Amino acid sequence: MGKFVITNRTNGEYQFNLKAGNGQTILASEGYTTKAACLNGVESVKKNSQDDARFEKKESSNGKYYFSLKSTNGQIIGSSEMYESASARDNGIESVKKNAPDAETDDQSA
């Protein structure tokens, strides 16, 4: 089962990572100035991860593949790691869809 891990960045902002059952990070958030905003981001991932249209599949300039998850207003909620192939990226999307809805939140921020 997946979980959202909330941590502090060195600049004091909050961020979350969605981790799969094996502990691998499958989605990383942007920075948030408040914990409340970060928790809202977690809820947004839980909701938006069930809509295929919210996933934007991309290819970087160096030929690696990744994806972003967007909210209803088009803002990026989180981004994936870089993958070697499009199929690996698509598996990452499926992992987010599977793990996010019921993931617990592990608050490790100060």
Protein backbone atom coordinates (compact mmCIF):
# COMPACT_ATOMS: atom_id res chain seq x y z
CA MET A 1 0.00 0.00 0.00
CA GLY A 2 1.25 3.46 -0.89
CA LYS A 3 1.73 6.45 1.35
CA PHE A 4 2.24 10.19 1.13
CA VAL A 5 5.35 11.35 3.00
CA ILE A 6 5.41 15.03 3.95
CA THR A 7 8.81 16.62 4.59
CA ASN A 8 10.43 20.04 4.83
CA ARG A 9 12.68 21.40 2.12
CA THR A 10 15.88 23.24 3.03
CA ASN A 11 14.12 26.56 2.23
CA GLY A 12 11.41 25.80 4.80
CA GLU A 13 8.73 24.84 2.29
CA TYR A 14 6.72 21.64 2.59
CA GLN A 15 6.57 18.92 -0.03
CA PHE A 16 5.11 15.45 -0.36
CA ASN A 17 6.22 12.32 -2.13
CA LEU A 18 3.83 9.53 -3.01
CA LYS A 19 5.61 6.26 -2.37
CA ALA A 20 4.56 2.85 -3.65
CA GLY A 21 4.34 -0.15 -1.34
CA ASN A 22 7.99 -0.97 -2.09
CA GLY A 23 9.08 2.49 -0.86
CA GLN A 24 9.87 3.87 -4.31
CA THR A 25 8.81 7.47 -4.94
CA ILE A 26 6.29 7.55 -7.79
CA LEU A 27 5.18 11.20 -7.59
CA ALA A 28 6.88 14.28 -6.10
CA SER A 29 5.13 17.55 -5.36
CA GLU A 30 6.12 21.14 -5.85
CA GLY A 31 7.03 23.19 -2.77
CA TYR A 32 4.26 24.60 -0.55
CA THR A 33 4.62 27.53 1.84
CA THR A 34 2.22 26.05 4.42
CA LYS A 35 1.48 22.55 5.67
CA ALA A 36 -2.22 23.13 5.02
CA ALA A 37 -1.52 23.83 1.34
CA CYS A 38 0.64 20.69 1.19
CA LEU A 39 -2.17 18.59 2.69
CA ASN A 40 -4.56 20.08 0.13
CA GLY A 41 -2.11 18.92 -2.54
CA VAL A 42 -2.24 15.38 -1.14
CA GLU A 43 -6.05 15.43 -1.32
CA SER A 44 -5.87 16.79 -4.86
CA VAL A 45 -3.65 13.87 -5.92
CA LYS A 46 -6.07 11.37 -4.37
CA LYS A 47 -8.94 12.89 -6.34
CA ASN A 48 -7.27 13.75 -9.65
CA SER A 49 -5.23 10.54 -9.96
CA GLN A 50 -8.39 8.67 -10.91
CA ASP A 51 -8.90 10.76 -14.08
CA ASP A 52 -6.71 9.71 -17.03
CA ALA A 53 -7.12 13.18 -18.57
CA ARG A 54 -5.22 14.72 -15.61
CA PHE A 55 -1.99 12.90 -16.51
CA GLU A 56 0.27 14.68 -18.98
CA LYS A 57 2.78 12.33 -20.60
CA LYS A 58 6.04 14.01 -21.58
CA GLU A 59 9.44 13.33 -23.09
CA SER A 60 12.48 15.32 -21.97
CA SER A 61 15.11 16.78 -24.26
CA ASN A 62 17.48 13.90 -23.39
CA GLY A 63 14.99 11.26 -24.52
CA LYS A 64 13.75 10.20 -21.07
CA TYR A 65 10.06 9.90 -20.26
CA TYR A 66 8.07 11.36 -17.38
CA PHE A 67 4.61 12.56 -16.45
CA SER A 68 2.89 15.31 -14.53
CA LEU A 69 -0.41 15.14 -12.69
CA LYS A 70 -2.55 18.25 -13.03
CA SER A 71 -5.49 19.52 -11.02
CA THR A 72 -8.79 20.65 -12.51
CA ASN A 73 -7.39 24.19 -12.91
CA GLY A 74 -4.43 22.89 -14.94
CA GLN A 75 -1.84 23.45 -12.21
CA ILE A 76 0.78 20.71 -11.78
CA ILE A 77 0.30 18.87 -8.48
CA GLY A 78 3.20 16.47 -8.87
CA SER A 79 5.73 15.04 -11.29
CA SER A 80 7.32 11.65 -11.75
CA GLU A 81 10.92 10.56 -11.93
CA MET A 82 12.58 10.09 -15.32
CA TYR A 83 11.95 6.75 -17.02
CA GLU A 84 13.96 4.99 -19.72
CA SER A 85 10.91 4.06 -21.80
CA ALA A 86 7.35 5.20 -22.47
CA SER A 87 6.03 1.88 -21.16
CA ALA A 88 7.90 2.34 -17.85
CA ARG A 89 6.38 5.82 -17.57
CA ASP A 90 2.92 4.42 -18.25
CA ASN A 91 3.50 1.82 -15.50
CA GLY A 92 4.36 4.72 -13.18
CA ILE A 93 1.02 6.36 -13.98
CA GLU A 94 -0.80 3.11 -13.22
CA SER A 95 1.05 2.89 -9.91
CA VAL A 96 -0.09 6.40 -8.94
CA LYS A 97 -3.68 5.53 -9.90
CA LYS A 98 -3.50 2.37 -7.78
CA ASN A 99 -1.68 3.74 -4.72
CA ALA A 100 -2.94 7.32 -4.30
CA PRO A 101 -6.66 6.94 -3.41
CA ASP A 102 -6.19 4.96 -0.19
CA ALA A 103 -2.65 6.04 0.72
CA GLU A 104 -2.05 7.07 4.30
CA THR A 105 -0.21 10.30 5.10
CA ASP A 106 3.08 10.13 6.99
CA ASP A 107 3.93 13.64 8.24
CA GLN A 108 7.69 13.83 8.81
CA SER A 109 7.88 17.63 8.68
CA ALA A 110 9.16 19.65 11.63
